[in-house]
Amino acid sequence: MGMMAPDGIGAMLRGIRESAGLTRDEQALALQEAQGGQWFDPENLKRWETERRLPTPVWHELLAEVYGRSVEEIVRAVAASRRYRRSQRRTGVEGEEDAAVKRRQFLGVAAGATGAVALPGIAEARQGINAGLSNADTGDLDYLQGAFERHRGGYRGRPPGAVLAQMRNDLDLLRDVLSRPHRASARADLARTAAGITGLVAIIQHDRGDQRDSLGWFATAEQAARESGDRHMLAWSLARHAMVPLNYGAPNAAAELAIRARAEAGRTPTAAAALAAAVTARALASTGDHKGALRAVADARSIAERLDAAQGADTWFGYPLQKHHVHLSQAFTLMGRTREAHAEQEAALFLTRSPSVMTRALLAMDAATCLKVDGDDSAAADAAADVWQRLPSAYRDGLIRSRADALHQSLVGSAHSRLGDALAS
């Protein structure tokens, strides 16, 4: 028998959505808008509609608002789904027990014929193991999926260290849950969630300037993505991984990782494919291959134009236009094409509506570097120093520091000294 309750939450959510004539992606966008634009994964909605997962209490109020039901109705529907699950499991266990009795009767006859004696408790032990595997950790798995949804939205004005501290308990739980047995389907879901959460930690460590730890977390994310069988998750992990060597002085290594990411992403326009193309453009620009960089820019633009709403979402797993312009700003800056770089910076700032302290600072550093490229070292030093002095202390390391140091090293004379003094303050 199936695991869908006829009066459960899955039937309710799917019925309301289909009555409204909405696709699952469109319904996910409605949920996203209802929570202030914070990313909502359509795959999460699919799990609820098919009751592979049940929405935890943290989601009940949002569902009630978007689906036009009371919180009490949502709670009752979830409870009906849980009761139905338990009844189906009991039915399955009873069927197994009947079969076990018949097997024991058969084995008894066989033992009498052969003289063999069955070990007591073996069948019961296996049934207990099966029950443990089928019922393991549903609550923890649901919680971790919800944690992944919460964290993937990005910094939202918070410093990297603060976000990492908020993830600490979830990482401890993830480590604990991974050490337990799970059914194959649950294990695949858990591995995908693990890839996402550990990839987020890798991004934060990259932004904090801890290259070694970031690389270690990306290796873990890629291992989990391979175990999950989700090629899009693996492509995303590789593309984000490529940004570590890109931003810390190893552009050739970055280009190799980006190429692997493009291969995993396939031909479908995805956030990972667009990011991989943008990283390739930046890496080739850094090595002096400007023709190759311009081809990669065109590739990134082509993919970005074809992304759907989910792939273009403003999260660490999406590739929104704002991030697209930030990447191209850096690519054109590295190529010395300052007019195009300024255009990308203006477009990115226009789309930067959240606090985005880091994004604004990186764009300002790119603008300062463009002044250097155009031959005005003094203005470049003053602009970069102004960015640095207004930057909160929690952001004065990692990626922004790396970008400021690179500009500082390219300056000479009094401009070099002025910016050096600012960075030392």
Protein backbone atom coordinates (compact mmCIF):
# COMPACT_ATOMS: atom_id res chain seq x y z
CA MET A 1 0.00 0.00 0.00
CA GLY A 2 1.09 3.60 -0.50
CA MET A 3 2.26 5.95 2.21
CA MET A 4 -0.09 8.84 1.28
CA ALA A 5 -2.93 9.67 3.67
CA PRO A 6 -6.16 10.52 1.77
CA ASP A 7 -6.92 13.25 4.32
CA GLY A 8 -3.30 14.14 5.03
CA ILE A 9 -1.09 17.13 4.37
CA GLY A 10 0.21 15.88 1.02
CA ALA A 11 -3.29 15.55 -0.46
CA MET A 12 -4.25 18.96 0.95
CA LEU A 13 -1.24 20.84 -0.44
CA ARG A 14 -1.37 19.20 -3.85
CA GLY A 15 -5.15 19.57 -4.15
CA ILE A 16 -5.13 23.29 -3.35
CA ARG A 17 -2.21 23.92 -5.71
CA GLU A 18 -3.77 22.03 -8.61
CA SER A 19 -7.17 23.69 -8.04
CA ALA A 20 -5.42 27.04 -8.41
CA GLY A 21 -3.78 25.88 -11.65
CA LEU A 22 -0.25 26.38 -10.30
CA THR A 23 2.86 24.38 -11.02
CA ARG A 24 5.01 23.28 -8.13
CA ASP A 25 7.62 25.92 -9.00
CA GLU A 26 4.94 28.63 -9.03
CA GLN A 27 3.62 27.49 -5.65
CA ALA A 28 7.17 27.50 -4.26
CA LEU A 29 7.54 31.11 -5.44
CA ALA A 30 4.34 32.02 -3.58
CA LEU A 31 5.81 30.51 -0.41
CA GLN A 32 9.08 32.36 -1.03
CA GLU A 33 7.30 35.70 -1.42
CA ALA A 34 5.25 35.08 1.73
CA GLN A 35 8.44 34.76 3.77
CA GLY A 36 9.91 38.00 2.53
CA GLY A 37 11.79 36.64 -0.46
CA GLN A 38 13.76 34.05 1.51
CA TRP A 39 14.54 31.11 -0.78
CA PHE A 40 12.10 28.22 -0.78
CA ASP A 41 13.11 25.03 -2.59
CA PRO A 42 10.44 23.47 -4.87
CA GLU A 43 11.95 20.08 -3.99
CA ASN A 44 10.89 20.65 -0.39
CA LEU A 45 7.31 21.18 -1.55
CA LYS A 46 7.53 17.98 -3.59
CA ARG A 47 8.57 16.04 -0.49
CA TRP A 48 5.58 17.40 1.42
CA GLU A 49 3.10 16.71 -1.37
CA THR A 50 4.32 13.12 -1.72
CA GLU A 51 4.72 12.79 2.06
CA ARG A 52 8.31 11.64 1.82
CA ARG A 53 8.73 14.31 4.48
CA LEU A 54 6.14 16.08 6.62
CA PRO A 55 6.30 19.82 7.34
CA THR A 56 7.58 20.50 10.83
CA PRO A 57 5.83 23.05 13.11
CA VAL A 58 8.14 25.86 11.98
CA TRP A 59 6.37 25.75 8.58
CA HIS A 60 2.75 25.47 9.74
CA GLU A 61 1.98 29.20 9.97
CA LEU A 62 3.48 29.90 6.53
CA LEU A 63 1.49 27.06 4.96
CA ALA A 64 -1.71 28.27 6.59
CA GLU A 65 -1.16 31.78 5.21
CA VAL A 66 -0.29 30.77 1.65
CA TYR A 67 -2.84 27.95 1.27
CA GLY A 68 -5.72 29.82 2.89
CA ARG A 69 -6.19 27.40 5.76
CA SER A 70 -6.01 27.80 9.52
CA VAL A 71 -2.96 26.61 11.44
CA GLU A 72 -5.25 24.09 13.17
CA GLU A 73 -6.22 22.59 9.79
CA ILE A 74 -2.56 22.26 8.82
CA VAL A 75 -1.76 20.59 12.16
CA ARG A 76 -4.68 18.16 11.76
CA ALA A 77 -3.60 17.24 8.23
CA VAL A 78 -0.01 16.58 9.36
CA ALA A 79 -1.32 14.48 12.24
CA ALA A 80 -3.50 12.48 9.83
CA SER A 81 -0.44 11.78 7.69
CA ARG A 82 1.53 10.61 10.72
CA ARG A 83 -1.33 8.29 11.83
CA TYR A 84 -1.57 6.87 8.33
CA ARG A 85 2.18 6.21 8.25
CA ARG A 86 1.98 4.35 11.55
CA SER A 87 -0.97 2.27 10.42
CA GLN A 88 0.81 1.30 7.22
CA ARG A 89 3.93 0.31 9.15
CA ARG A 90 1.86 -1.81 11.55
CA THR A 91 0.17 -3.52 8.62
CA GLY A 92 3.57 -4.21 7.10
CA VAL A 93 4.93 -5.62 10.36
CA GLU A 94 1.88 -7.84 10.84
CA GLY A 95 2.30 -9.16 7.29
CA GLU A 96 5.94 -9.87 8.00
CA GLU A 97 5.04 -11.64 11.24
CA ASP A 98 2.58 -13.95 9.41
CA ALA A 99 5.23 -14.68 6.83
CA ALA A 100 7.78 -15.27 9.59
CA VAL A 101 5.49 -17.84 11.25
CA LYS A 102 5.16 -19.71 7.97
CA ARG A 103 8.92 -19.57 7.43
CA ARG A 104 9.53 -20.92 10.94
CA GLN A 105 7.03 -23.73 10.33
CA PHE A 106 8.76 -24.60 7.09
CA LEU A 107 12.20 -24.44 8.71
CA GLY A 108 10.95 -26.62 11.54
CA VAL A 109 9.88 -29.29 9.11
CA ALA A 110 13.14 -28.93 7.22
CA ALA A 111 15.11 -29.10 10.46
CA GLY A 112 13.26 -32.26 11.44
CA ALA A 113 14.16 -33.77 8.11
CA THR A 114 17.81 -32.76 8.16
CA GLY A 115 18.57 -32.74 11.85
CA ALA A 116 19.47 -29.00 11.78
CA VAL A 117 18.32 -26.80 14.67
CA ALA A 118 17.31 -23.14 13.93
CA LEU A 119 18.97 -20.53 16.14
CA PRO A 120 16.34 -18.92 18.41
CA GLY A 121 15.51 -15.26 17.86
CA ILE A 122 17.16 -14.83 14.43
CA ALA A 123 13.97 -13.91 12.55
CA GLU A 124 12.86 -11.56 15.34
CA ALA A 125 16.25 -9.87 15.34
CA ARG A 126 16.05 -9.20 11.63
CA GLN A 127 12.54 -7.77 11.99
CA GLY A 128 13.79 -5.41 14.69
CA ILE A 129 16.62 -4.29 12.47
CA ASN A 130 14.23 -3.66 9.57
CA ALA A 131 11.91 -1.66 11.81
CA GLY A 132 14.81 0.41 13.05
CA LEU A 133 15.93 1.13 9.52
CA SER A 134 12.49 2.06 8.24
CA ASN A 135 11.61 4.38 11.13
CA ALA A 136 14.99 5.95 11.84
CA ASP A 137 15.34 9.65 12.57
CA THR A 138 12.39 11.10 10.65
CA GLY A 139 12.27 14.11 12.97
CA ASP A 140 16.00 14.79 12.75
CA LEU A 141 15.98 14.42 8.96
CA ASP A 142 13.11 16.87 8.67
CA TYR A 143 14.88 19.30 10.97
CA LEU A 144 18.13 19.12 8.99
CA GLN A 145 16.26 19.72 5.73
CA GLY A 146 14.66 22.77 7.32
CA ALA A 147 18.04 23.96 8.60
CA PHE A 148 19.44 23.69 5.07
CA GLU A 149 16.56 25.84 3.81
CA ARG A 150 17.18 28.46 6.49
CA HIS A 151 20.93 28.73 6.03
CA ARG A 152 21.06 28.71 2.23
CA GLY A 153 19.56 32.21 2.01
CA GLY A 154 22.93 33.89 2.50
CA TYR A 155 24.30 36.40 4.98
CA ARG A 156 21.35 38.84 4.91
CA GLY A 157 23.50 41.54 6.45
CA ARG A 158 25.14 39.26 9.04
CA PRO A 159 28.94 38.84 9.28
CA PRO A 160 30.32 35.44 8.25
CA GLY A 161 31.45 34.51 11.76
CA ALA A 162 27.98 35.08 13.17
CA VAL A 163 26.35 32.86 10.53
CA LEU A 164 28.88 30.10 11.16
CA ALA A 165 28.21 30.24 14.91
CA GLN A 166 24.49 29.82 14.23
CA MET A 167 25.19 26.67 12.22
CA ARG A 168 27.28 24.96 14.90
CA ASN A 169 24.48 22.95 16.55
CA ASP A 170 23.15 21.86 13.16
CA LEU A 171 26.60 20.56 12.19
CA ASP A 172 26.77 18.53 15.41
CA LEU A 173 23.34 17.03 14.69
CA LEU A 174 24.31 16.28 11.08
CA ARG A 175 27.41 14.41 12.24
CA ASP A 176 25.31 12.39 14.69
CA VAL A 177 22.56 11.52 12.19
CA LEU A 178 25.07 10.48 9.51
CA SER A 179 26.49 7.89 11.91
CA ARG A 180 23.12 6.08 12.13
CA PRO A 181 21.64 3.56 9.68
CA HIS A 182 19.02 4.72 7.15
CA ARG A 183 17.01 3.32 4.29
CA ALA A 184 18.61 3.91 0.88
CA SER A 185 16.14 6.64 -0.14
CA ALA A 186 16.48 8.45 3.20
CA ARG A 187 20.27 8.11 3.01
CA ALA A 188 20.31 9.75 -0.43
CA ASP A 189 18.21 12.67 0.86
CA LEU A 190 20.45 12.98 3.91
CA ALA A 191 23.59 12.95 1.74
CA ARG A 192 22.15 15.73 -0.42
CA THR A 193 21.32 17.80 2.67
CA ALA A 194 24.82 17.11 4.03
CA ALA A 195 26.35 18.29 0.73
CA GLY A 196 24.37 21.51 0.93
CA ILE A 197 25.10 22.29 4.57
CA THR A 198 28.82 21.47 4.36
CA GLY A 199 29.06 23.46 1.13
CA LEU A 200 27.62 26.47 2.96
CA VAL A 201 30.27 26.11 5.68
CA ALA A 202 32.93 25.99 2.95
CA ILE A 203 31.61 29.25 1.45
CA ILE A 204 31.70 30.98 4.83
CA GLN A 205 35.24 29.80 5.57
CA HIS A 206 36.29 31.02 2.12
CA ASP A 207 34.83 34.45 2.86
CA ARG A 208 36.57 34.48 6.27
CA GLY A 209 39.91 33.79 4.61
CA ASP A 210 40.45 30.26 5.97
CA GLN A 211 41.43 28.69 2.67
CA ARG A 212 42.61 25.36 4.06
CA ASP A 213 39.43 24.73 6.04
CA SER A 214 37.28 25.89 3.15
CA LEU A 215 38.94 23.39 0.81
CA GLY A 216 38.37 20.63 3.37
CA TRP A 217 34.66 21.44 3.67
CA PHE A 218 34.28 21.55 -0.11
CA ALA A 219 35.88 18.10 -0.36
CA THR A 220 33.31 16.86 2.16
CA ALA A 221 30.47 18.52 0.23
CA GLU A 222 31.58 16.90 -3.02
CA GLN A 223 31.83 13.47 -1.38
CA ALA A 224 28.29 13.85 -0.01
CA ALA A 225 26.97 15.09 -3.37
CA ARG A 226 28.42 12.04 -5.13
CA GLU A 227 26.84 9.74 -2.55
CA SER A 228 23.46 11.43 -3.05
CA GLY A 229 23.61 10.89 -6.81
CA ASP A 230 22.56 14.53 -7.38
CA ARG A 231 24.69 15.83 -10.25
CA HIS A 232 23.34 19.37 -9.92
CA MET A 233 24.46 19.44 -6.28
CA LEU A 234 27.90 18.15 -7.31
CA ALA A 235 28.13 20.78 -10.07
CA TRP A 236 27.24 23.50 -7.56
CA SER A 237 29.87 22.23 -5.08
CA LEU A 238 32.58 22.19 -7.75
CA ALA A 239 31.66 25.66 -9.05
CA ARG A 240 31.70 27.17 -5.57
CA HIS A 241 34.93 25.28 -4.79
CA ALA A 242 36.55 26.92 -7.82
CA MET A 243 36.15 30.32 -6.20
CA VAL A 244 38.65 29.45 -3.46
CA PRO A 245 41.71 29.16 -5.74
CA LEU A 246 40.26 31.93 -7.92
CA ASN A 247 40.16 34.47 -5.09
CA TYR A 248 43.40 33.39 -3.45
CA GLY A 249 45.89 33.38 -6.29
CA ALA A 250 45.54 30.06 -8.18
CA PRO A 251 43.49 30.87 -11.32
CA ASN A 252 44.60 27.80 -13.29
CA ALA A 253 43.31 25.49 -10.55
CA ALA A 254 40.09 27.50 -10.50
CA ALA A 255 39.61 27.08 -14.25
CA GLU A 256 40.07 23.29 -13.97
CA LEU A 257 37.43 23.01 -11.25
CA ALA A 258 35.05 25.24 -13.22
CA ILE A 259 35.42 23.00 -16.28
CA ARG A 260 34.53 19.96 -14.15
CA ALA A 261 31.51 21.83 -12.81
CA ARG A 262 30.29 22.61 -16.34
CA ALA A 263 30.64 18.95 -17.29
CA GLU A 264 28.53 17.84 -14.30
CA ALA A 265 25.92 20.54 -14.92
CA GLY A 266 25.23 19.31 -18.44
CA ARG A 267 23.34 21.36 -21.01
CA THR A 268 20.44 22.41 -18.81
CA PRO A 269 20.69 26.09 -17.81
CA THR A 270 21.37 25.98 -14.09
CA ALA A 271 22.85 28.24 -11.45
CA ALA A 272 25.87 25.95 -11.22
CA ALA A 273 26.50 26.15 -14.99
CA ALA A 274 26.22 29.95 -15.00
CA LEU A 275 28.51 30.26 -11.98
CA ALA A 276 31.05 27.91 -13.56
CA ALA A 277 31.11 30.04 -16.73
CA ALA A 278 31.54 33.24 -14.70
CA VAL A 279 34.36 31.72 -12.64
CA THR A 280 36.03 30.57 -15.88
CA ALA A 281 35.85 34.13 -17.20
CA ARG A 282 37.47 35.52 -14.06
CA ALA A 283 40.13 32.80 -13.98
CA LEU A 284 41.12 33.27 -17.63
CA ALA A 285 41.14 37.05 -17.22
CA SER A 286 43.51 36.64 -14.29
CA THR A 287 45.92 34.52 -16.37
CA GLY A 288 45.88 37.04 -19.24
CA ASP A 289 43.78 34.92 -21.64
CA HIS A 290 41.40 37.76 -22.47
CA LYS A 291 39.92 36.11 -25.58
CA GLY A 292 39.05 33.03 -23.59
CA ALA A 293 37.69 35.20 -20.80
CA LEU A 294 35.39 37.09 -23.19
CA ARG A 295 34.06 33.79 -24.59
CA ALA A 296 33.32 32.68 -21.03
CA VAL A 297 31.59 36.00 -20.32
CA ALA A 298 29.34 35.44 -23.32
CA ASP A 299 28.65 31.90 -22.12
CA ALA A 300 27.74 33.12 -18.63
CA ARG A 301 25.41 35.76 -20.07
CA SER A 302 23.70 33.23 -22.32
CA ILE A 303 23.04 30.83 -19.43
CA ALA A 304 21.95 33.60 -17.05
CA GLU A 305 19.30 34.77 -19.55
CA ARG A 306 17.73 31.28 -19.61
CA LEU A 307 17.57 30.56 -15.85
CA ASP A 308 14.17 29.95 -14.33
CA ALA A 309 13.05 31.62 -11.10
CA ALA A 310 14.36 28.82 -8.87
CA GLN A 311 17.83 28.82 -10.46
CA GLY A 312 17.98 32.62 -10.44
CA ALA A 313 16.96 32.95 -6.76
CA ASP A 314 19.00 35.24 -4.53
CA THR A 315 20.57 32.53 -2.38
CA TRP A 316 23.91 30.77 -2.13
CA PHE A 317 22.44 28.09 -4.41
CA GLY A 318 21.03 30.47 -6.99
CA TYR A 319 22.61 32.71 -9.58
CA PRO A 320 20.68 36.00 -9.44
CA LEU A 321 21.46 38.85 -11.80
CA GLN A 322 23.07 40.79 -8.97
CA LYS A 323 25.69 38.07 -8.45
CA HIS A 324 26.09 37.76 -12.22
CA HIS A 325 27.05 41.43 -12.50
CA VAL A 326 29.40 41.14 -9.50
CA HIS A 327 31.30 38.32 -11.22
CA LEU A 328 31.48 40.14 -14.53
CA SER A 329 32.65 43.30 -12.76
CA GLN A 330 35.66 41.38 -11.51
CA ALA A 331 36.29 39.74 -14.89
CA PHE A 332 36.29 43.05 -16.76
CA THR A 333 38.37 44.70 -14.02
CA LEU A 334 41.04 41.99 -14.37
CA MET A 335 41.01 42.46 -18.15
CA GLY A 336 41.47 46.23 -17.76
CA ARG A 337 38.19 46.93 -19.55
CA THR A 338 37.13 49.60 -17.10
CA ARG A 339 34.14 50.98 -19.01
CA GLU A 340 32.45 47.55 -19.04
CA ALA A 341 33.54 46.95 -15.45
CA HIS A 342 31.86 50.18 -14.29
CA ALA A 343 28.67 49.23 -16.13
CA GLU A 344 28.59 45.87 -14.35
CA GLN A 345 29.27 47.54 -10.99
CA GLU A 346 26.39 49.99 -11.49
CA ALA A 347 24.04 47.17 -12.51
CA ALA A 348 25.04 45.09 -9.48
CA LEU A 349 24.58 47.99 -7.05
CA PHE A 350 21.17 48.79 -8.54
CA LEU A 351 20.08 45.20 -7.80
CA THR A 352 21.65 45.10 -4.30
CA ARG A 353 18.66 45.87 -2.09
CA SER A 354 19.65 43.86 0.99
CA PRO A 355 22.35 45.15 3.39
CA SER A 356 25.01 43.06 1.55
CA VAL A 357 27.98 44.61 3.32
CA MET A 358 30.40 42.23 1.65
CA THR A 359 28.98 42.64 -1.87
CA ARG A 360 29.03 46.43 -1.67
CA ALA A 361 32.59 46.42 -0.35
CA LEU A 362 33.83 44.08 -3.10
CA LEU A 363 32.20 46.20 -5.80
CA ALA A 364 33.78 49.34 -4.31
CA MET A 365 37.20 47.62 -4.33
CA ASP A 366 36.67 46.73 -7.99
CA ALA A 367 35.85 50.39 -8.72
CA ALA A 368 39.03 51.45 -6.91
CA THR A 369 41.05 48.96 -8.96
CA CYS A 370 39.54 50.39 -12.14
CA LEU A 371 40.90 53.81 -11.11
CA LYS A 372 44.35 52.22 -10.83
CA VAL A 373 43.97 50.63 -14.28
CA ASP A 374 43.00 54.02 -15.71
CA GLY A 375 46.22 55.49 -14.31
CA ASP A 376 44.99 57.38 -11.22
CA ASP A 377 46.86 55.67 -8.38
CA SER A 378 46.08 58.43 -5.91
CA ALA A 379 42.31 58.22 -6.44
CA ALA A 380 42.49 54.41 -6.31
CA ALA A 381 44.27 54.50 -2.93
CA ASP A 382 41.83 57.04 -1.50
CA ALA A 383 38.78 55.10 -2.70
CA ALA A 384 40.04 51.81 -1.30
CA ALA A 385 41.07 53.41 1.99
CA ASP A 386 37.60 54.94 2.33
CA VAL A 387 35.98 51.53 1.78
CA TRP A 388 38.26 49.95 4.35
CA GLN A 389 37.75 52.58 7.03
CA ARG A 390 33.95 52.34 6.76
CA LEU A 391 34.01 48.54 6.86
CA PRO A 392 32.84 46.90 10.13
CA SER A 393 35.64 45.01 11.87
CA ALA A 394 33.85 41.67 11.39
CA TYR A 395 34.42 42.01 7.62
CA ARG A 396 38.07 43.10 7.67
CA ASP A 397 39.54 39.75 6.76
CA GLY A 398 39.17 37.05 4.15
CA LEU A 399 37.98 37.96 0.70
CA ILE A 400 37.73 41.74 1.13
CA ARG A 401 41.19 41.87 2.70
CA SER A 402 42.58 39.79 -0.16
CA ARG A 403 41.10 42.16 -2.74
CA ALA A 404 42.43 45.23 -0.88
CA ASP A 405 45.91 43.70 -0.50
CA ALA A 406 46.07 42.95 -4.23
CA LEU A 407 45.34 46.60 -5.03
CA HIS A 408 47.82 47.79 -2.41
CA GLN A 409 50.61 45.71 -3.95
CA SER A 410 49.95 47.20 -7.38
CA LEU A 411 50.32 50.81 -6.19
CA VAL A 412 53.57 52.76 -5.89
CA GLY A 413 54.84 55.81 -4.03
CA SER A 414 52.60 57.79 -1.74
CA ALA A 415 49.45 55.99 -2.95
CA HIS A 416 50.98 52.68 -1.84
CA SER A 417 51.87 54.16 1.55
CA ARG A 418 48.46 55.75 2.16
CA LEU A 419 46.54 52.58 1.45
CA GLY A 420 49.03 50.56 3.48
CA ASP A 421 48.50 52.84 6.46
CA ALA A 422 44.72 52.45 6.14
CA LEU A 423 44.95 48.67 5.98
CA ALA A 424 47.20 48.63 9.05
CA SER A 425 44.75 50.72 11.11
